[in-house]
Amino acid sequence: MRTIIFIAMAPRAAIATPPAADWIDSAERALRAAGHRAVPVPVDEDGLVVARGLRKAPQARMAVVTPSHQAPLGVSMTLPRRLQLLDWASKAGAWIVEDDYDGEYRYVSRPLPALQSLDREGRVLYSGTFSKVLFPAIRLAYLVVPPAQVPRFEEVTRALAASGPTLMQKIVADFMNEGHFARHIQRMRRLYAERRQITADGLSAVLGHHVQIDPQPGGMHLVLRMKGRHTDRAVVARMKEHGMYALALSERGVLPHGASALLLAFTNVDTPARARELGKRILKIMA
């Protein structure tokens, strides 16, 4: 039987033909390969619109979500929406896959508790990765499952999955047990919060008439909403021609009539002068 699944998507984003969002594309391909049908559901300022998902896919038996920091808009799912989603999963006997890919990097307050921490019925599968918080080449991720499901997941893992290098796992485990990981996260959160503010202020000072920067609570990129006649795809193409890199929001989802915005990383912008210089280079392209 084909299980209908609803998956959180950026509102008003482009049809999911290449290049689609990496996370969306890979998740949808995996679901499709397993014989499931993914139903895209929009998000708003409160996160996944659960009611829309229930109307679009009333027979759904799984939801794939990024509640801490939705990809790519960065909004966080509010507590009422989280409880609504958990209530649906409990009543429907459904599963929730919580992808917390960079929840550690939240700047406006303490990191939000995981959706799984609110789960009292054992319906949430919580996944995370060390690639974002340590370095991409580490290639280590993890999945936290309800206790009742551990034997089944161990069986499947032994049969199908190749684990990461044992030495690397032991190194990361020691790094965490000795307290280095927690200190690293605190240090990087402070550093990225500073760089995010530097980048946002510098770009706004130069590009204020052309873009509006979303007030995101976390993540490692900024969302620059385009004003006037400029389109994100054209600007991104010209930026690449001039040695800069950004992503176009209108290419990062599956729903029609995409909003036009630049997705721009800030983690390597370390001074106000560098932020303003970046803004001037983009402004020259847009002129």
Protein backbone atom coordinates (compact mmCIF):
# COMPACT_ATOMS: atom_id res chain seq x y z
CA MET A 1 0.00 0.00 0.00
CA ARG A 2 1.27 3.45 -0.88
CA THR A 3 1.55 5.71 2.14
CA ILE A 4 0.69 9.35 1.48
CA ILE A 5 3.17 11.62 3.22
CA PHE A 6 3.08 15.36 3.68
CA ILE A 7 6.29 17.30 3.66
CA ALA A 8 6.94 20.92 4.64
CA MET A 9 7.76 23.20 1.73
CA ALA A 10 8.60 26.87 1.28
CA PRO A 11 5.41 28.80 0.43
CA ARG A 12 4.94 29.92 -3.15
CA ALA A 13 8.08 28.21 -4.41
CA ALA A 14 8.81 26.89 -7.87
CA ILE A 15 7.75 23.57 -9.37
CA ALA A 16 10.10 20.81 -8.25
CA THR A 17 12.07 20.39 -11.43
CA PRO A 18 15.88 20.62 -11.22
CA PRO A 19 17.42 22.45 -9.60
CA ALA A 20 15.08 21.95 -6.62
CA ALA A 21 16.10 22.32 -3.00
CA ASP A 22 18.66 19.69 -2.03
CA TRP A 23 16.80 18.66 1.11
CA ILE A 24 13.42 18.61 -0.64
CA ASP A 25 14.78 16.80 -3.67
CA SER A 26 16.61 14.10 -1.70
CA ALA A 27 13.70 13.53 0.70
CA GLU A 28 11.19 13.28 -2.13
CA ARG A 29 13.40 10.92 -4.14
CA ALA A 30 13.88 8.65 -1.12
CA LEU A 31 10.16 8.56 -0.42
CA ARG A 32 9.31 7.90 -4.04
CA ALA A 33 11.88 5.10 -4.24
CA ALA A 34 10.22 3.49 -1.22
CA GLY A 35 6.87 3.55 -2.99
CA HIS A 36 5.35 6.51 -1.15
CA ARG A 37 3.72 9.65 -2.47
CA ALA A 38 4.84 13.00 -1.07
CA VAL A 39 2.27 15.80 -0.77
CA PRO A 40 3.80 19.29 -0.39
CA VAL A 41 2.36 21.46 2.37
CA PRO A 42 3.16 25.18 2.72
CA VAL A 43 4.58 26.93 5.75
CA ASP A 44 3.83 30.37 7.16
CA GLU A 45 5.37 32.44 9.94
CA ASP A 46 4.31 29.75 12.46
CA GLY A 47 5.82 26.85 10.54
CA LEU A 48 4.08 23.93 8.86
CA VAL A 49 0.39 24.66 8.25
CA VAL A 50 -0.82 21.37 9.73
CA ALA A 51 -4.49 21.98 8.89
CA ARG A 52 -3.60 22.39 5.21
CA GLY A 53 -1.68 19.13 5.33
CA LEU A 54 -4.62 17.27 6.81
CA ARG A 55 -6.94 18.62 4.11
CA LYS A 56 -4.54 17.85 1.28
CA ALA A 57 -3.59 14.37 2.53
CA PRO A 58 -6.27 13.06 4.92
CA GLN A 59 -4.90 9.51 4.59
CA ALA A 60 -1.31 10.52 5.32
CA ARG A 61 0.70 8.29 7.62
CA MET A 62 3.90 10.30 7.90
CA ALA A 63 5.05 13.92 8.07
CA VAL A 64 8.60 15.00 7.23
CA VAL A 65 9.38 18.32 8.91
CA THR A 66 12.20 20.66 9.99
CA PRO A 67 10.48 22.35 12.97
CA SER A 68 13.51 24.07 14.50
CA HIS A 69 14.56 25.84 11.31
CA GLN A 70 12.47 25.24 8.20
CA ALA A 71 14.46 24.80 5.00
CA PRO A 72 14.99 27.27 3.43
CA LEU A 73 12.97 30.12 5.01
CA GLY A 74 14.23 29.60 8.54
CA VAL A 75 10.92 29.91 10.39
CA SER A 76 10.39 27.83 13.53
CA MET A 77 7.28 25.79 14.21
CA THR A 78 5.32 27.26 17.12
CA LEU A 79 4.26 25.21 20.14
CA PRO A 80 0.56 25.10 19.11
CA ARG A 81 1.51 23.80 15.66
CA ARG A 82 3.83 21.19 17.20
CA LEU A 83 1.10 19.96 19.52
CA GLN A 84 -1.36 19.88 16.62
CA LEU A 85 1.04 17.76 14.57
CA LEU A 86 1.67 15.39 17.48
CA ASP A 87 -2.06 15.08 18.11
CA TRP A 88 -2.59 14.12 14.46
CA ALA A 89 0.18 11.51 14.61
CA SER A 90 -1.25 9.99 17.77
CA LYS A 91 -4.82 9.75 16.45
CA ALA A 92 -3.82 8.56 12.97
CA GLY A 93 -1.15 6.12 14.14
CA ALA A 94 1.23 8.08 11.92
CA TRP A 95 4.93 8.90 12.12
CA ILE A 96 6.78 12.20 12.20
CA VAL A 97 10.31 12.46 10.86
CA GLU A 98 11.94 15.45 12.59
CA ASP A 99 15.02 16.59 10.69
CA ASP A 100 16.91 18.86 13.10
CA TYR A 101 19.78 19.61 10.73
CA ASP A 102 21.06 22.81 12.38
CA GLY A 103 18.83 23.48 15.37
CA GLU A 104 21.88 24.32 17.49
CA TYR A 105 22.29 27.61 15.62
CA ARG A 106 19.47 29.70 17.03
CA TYR A 107 20.35 33.29 17.91
CA VAL A 108 17.27 35.03 19.29
CA SER A 109 16.90 32.79 22.34
CA ARG A 110 17.91 29.38 23.61
CA PRO A 111 17.59 26.51 21.11
CA LEU A 112 14.05 25.20 20.94
CA PRO A 113 13.29 21.82 22.52
CA ALA A 114 12.99 19.09 19.94
CA LEU A 115 9.56 18.06 18.76
CA GLN A 116 10.46 14.60 19.99
CA SER A 117 10.77 15.92 23.55
CA LEU A 118 7.02 16.69 23.46
CA ASP A 119 6.13 13.26 22.09
CA ARG A 120 4.34 11.06 24.64
CA GLU A 121 3.10 8.42 22.20
CA GLY A 122 6.37 7.34 20.57
CA ARG A 123 5.53 8.71 17.11
CA VAL A 124 8.60 10.89 16.36
CA LEU A 125 11.81 9.79 14.63
CA TYR A 126 14.45 12.44 15.35
CA SER A 127 17.38 12.82 12.95
CA GLY A 128 20.42 15.06 13.17
CA THR A 129 23.87 15.48 11.69
CA PHE A 130 27.36 16.51 12.73
CA SER A 131 28.10 17.84 9.25
CA LYS A 132 26.66 21.27 10.05
CA VAL A 133 28.07 21.73 13.54
CA LEU A 134 31.53 20.21 13.05
CA PHE A 135 32.52 19.94 9.39
CA PRO A 136 30.85 18.52 6.24
CA ALA A 137 33.45 15.83 5.52
CA ILE A 138 32.78 14.09 8.84
CA ARG A 139 29.75 12.35 7.25
CA LEU A 140 28.18 11.33 10.55
CA ALA A 141 24.47 11.52 11.26
CA TYR A 142 22.17 9.91 13.79
CA LEU A 143 18.57 8.84 14.28
CA VAL A 144 16.83 8.76 17.67
CA VAL A 145 13.83 6.43 17.68
CA PRO A 146 11.22 5.60 20.33
CA PRO A 147 12.42 2.81 22.67
CA ALA A 148 9.84 0.37 21.36
CA GLN A 149 11.26 0.74 17.85
CA VAL A 150 14.95 0.22 18.71
CA PRO A 151 15.05 -3.54 17.96
CA ARG A 152 13.42 -3.06 14.57
CA PHE A 153 15.75 -0.22 13.58
CA GLU A 154 18.78 -2.18 14.75
CA GLU A 155 17.68 -5.07 12.55
CA VAL A 156 17.19 -2.86 9.51
CA THR A 157 20.47 -1.03 10.11
CA ARG A 158 22.45 -4.27 10.29
CA ALA A 159 20.83 -5.50 7.08
CA LEU A 160 20.96 -2.36 4.94
CA ALA A 161 23.13 0.44 6.27
CA ALA A 162 26.89 0.87 6.42
CA SER A 163 27.88 2.78 9.53
CA GLY A 164 30.38 5.60 9.64
CA PRO A 165 34.04 4.84 10.40
CA THR A 166 34.35 3.46 13.91
CA LEU A 167 37.41 5.58 14.69
CA MET A 168 35.57 8.78 13.75
CA GLN A 169 32.58 7.76 15.87
CA LYS A 170 34.83 7.17 18.88
CA ILE A 171 36.59 10.51 18.37
CA VAL A 172 33.27 12.38 18.25
CA ALA A 173 31.99 10.46 21.27
CA ASP A 174 35.07 11.43 23.31
CA PHE A 175 34.80 15.01 22.05
CA MET A 176 31.25 15.14 23.42
CA ASN A 177 31.85 13.23 26.66
CA GLU A 178 34.74 15.53 27.60
CA GLY A 179 32.55 18.62 27.16
CA HIS A 180 34.30 20.01 24.09
CA PHE A 181 31.25 19.70 21.85
CA ALA A 182 29.01 21.82 24.08
CA ARG A 183 31.69 24.51 24.37
CA HIS A 184 32.20 24.42 20.59
CA ILE A 185 28.48 24.96 19.96
CA GLN A 186 28.34 27.88 22.41
CA ARG A 187 31.39 29.51 20.83
CA MET A 188 30.14 29.06 17.26
CA ARG A 189 26.65 30.29 18.15
CA ARG A 190 28.13 33.53 19.49
CA LEU A 191 30.42 33.88 16.47
CA TYR A 192 27.67 33.24 13.92
CA ALA A 193 25.24 35.56 15.71
CA GLU A 194 27.84 38.32 15.44
CA ARG A 195 28.56 37.61 11.80
CA ARG A 196 24.87 37.39 10.95
CA GLN A 197 24.30 40.85 12.40
CA ILE A 198 27.38 42.27 10.68
CA THR A 199 26.28 40.87 7.32
CA ALA A 200 22.66 41.97 7.67
CA ASP A 201 23.63 45.50 8.70
CA GLY A 202 26.22 45.87 5.94
CA LEU A 203 23.97 44.54 3.20
CA SER A 204 21.00 46.61 4.38
CA ALA A 205 23.09 49.79 4.35
CA VAL A 206 24.05 49.24 0.72
CA LEU A 207 21.10 47.29 -0.72
CA GLY A 208 18.23 48.63 1.36
CA HIS A 209 16.37 50.00 -1.68
CA HIS A 210 16.63 46.68 -3.51
CA VAL A 211 16.19 43.95 -0.89
CA GLN A 212 14.51 43.31 2.45
CA ILE A 213 16.27 40.93 4.84
CA ASP A 214 14.01 38.52 6.73
CA PRO A 215 14.44 38.48 10.54
CA GLN A 216 15.31 34.78 10.81
CA PRO A 217 15.75 33.26 14.29
CA GLY A 218 18.57 30.93 13.29
CA GLY A 219 20.43 29.09 10.57
CA MET A 220 23.52 29.90 8.53
CA HIS A 221 22.09 31.95 5.69
CA LEU A 222 20.09 35.15 5.18
CA VAL A 223 16.96 35.54 3.07
CA LEU A 224 17.13 38.72 0.96
CA ARG A 225 13.68 39.46 -0.50
CA MET A 226 13.91 41.14 -3.88
CA LYS A 227 12.19 44.48 -4.46
CA GLY A 228 11.18 46.06 -7.75
CA ARG A 229 11.97 44.51 -11.11
CA HIS A 230 14.88 42.30 -10.06
CA THR A 231 14.43 38.51 -9.99
CA ASP A 232 16.44 36.14 -7.84
CA ARG A 233 17.40 33.74 -10.63
CA ALA A 234 18.84 36.48 -12.83
CA VAL A 235 20.80 38.02 -9.93
CA VAL A 236 22.13 34.61 -8.83
CA ALA A 237 23.31 33.88 -12.38
CA ARG A 238 25.13 37.21 -12.58
CA MET A 239 26.66 36.72 -9.12
CA LYS A 240 28.13 33.39 -10.21
CA GLU A 241 29.63 35.07 -13.27
CA HIS A 242 31.41 37.47 -10.88
CA GLY A 243 32.74 34.85 -8.48
CA MET A 244 29.98 35.04 -5.86
CA TYR A 245 27.52 32.37 -4.79
CA ALA A 246 23.90 32.49 -3.67
CA LEU A 247 20.76 30.43 -4.16
CA ALA A 248 17.46 31.56 -5.65
CA LEU A 249 14.47 31.00 -3.36
CA SER A 250 12.17 30.58 -6.36
CA GLU A 251 14.09 27.40 -7.25
CA ARG A 252 13.98 25.91 -3.77
CA GLY A 253 10.53 24.38 -3.43
CA VAL A 254 7.63 22.70 -5.21
CA LEU A 255 4.65 25.04 -5.12
CA PRO A 256 3.93 27.47 -7.99
CA HIS A 257 4.54 31.23 -8.22
CA GLY A 258 7.78 31.40 -6.31
CA ALA A 259 8.73 34.36 -4.17
CA SER A 260 11.91 36.06 -5.38
CA ALA A 261 14.73 36.14 -2.83
CA LEU A 262 18.43 35.43 -2.45
CA LEU A 263 19.63 32.80 0.02
CA LEU A 264 23.05 34.08 1.06
CA ALA A 265 25.48 32.52 3.56
CA PHE A 266 27.02 34.84 6.15
CA THR A 267 29.37 32.60 8.11
CA ASN A 268 32.50 33.78 6.27
CA VAL A 269 31.69 37.52 6.51
CA ASP A 270 33.72 38.65 9.52
CA THR A 271 33.91 42.46 9.35
CA PRO A 272 31.52 45.34 8.56
CA ALA A 273 33.85 46.43 5.75
CA ARG A 274 33.63 43.03 4.13
CA ALA A 275 29.83 43.02 4.43
CA ARG A 276 29.57 46.44 2.80
CA GLU A 277 31.97 45.39 0.05
CA LEU A 278 29.82 42.35 -0.64
CA GLY A 279 26.78 44.61 -0.81
CA LYS A 280 28.53 46.92 -3.27
CA ARG A 281 29.48 44.01 -5.52
CA ILE A 282 25.89 42.80 -5.57
CA LEU A 283 24.61 46.34 -6.14
CA LYS A 284 26.88 46.72 -9.16
CA ILE A 285 25.40 43.55 -10.62
CA MET A 286 21.84 44.75 -10.00
CA ALA A 287 22.40 48.22 -11.42
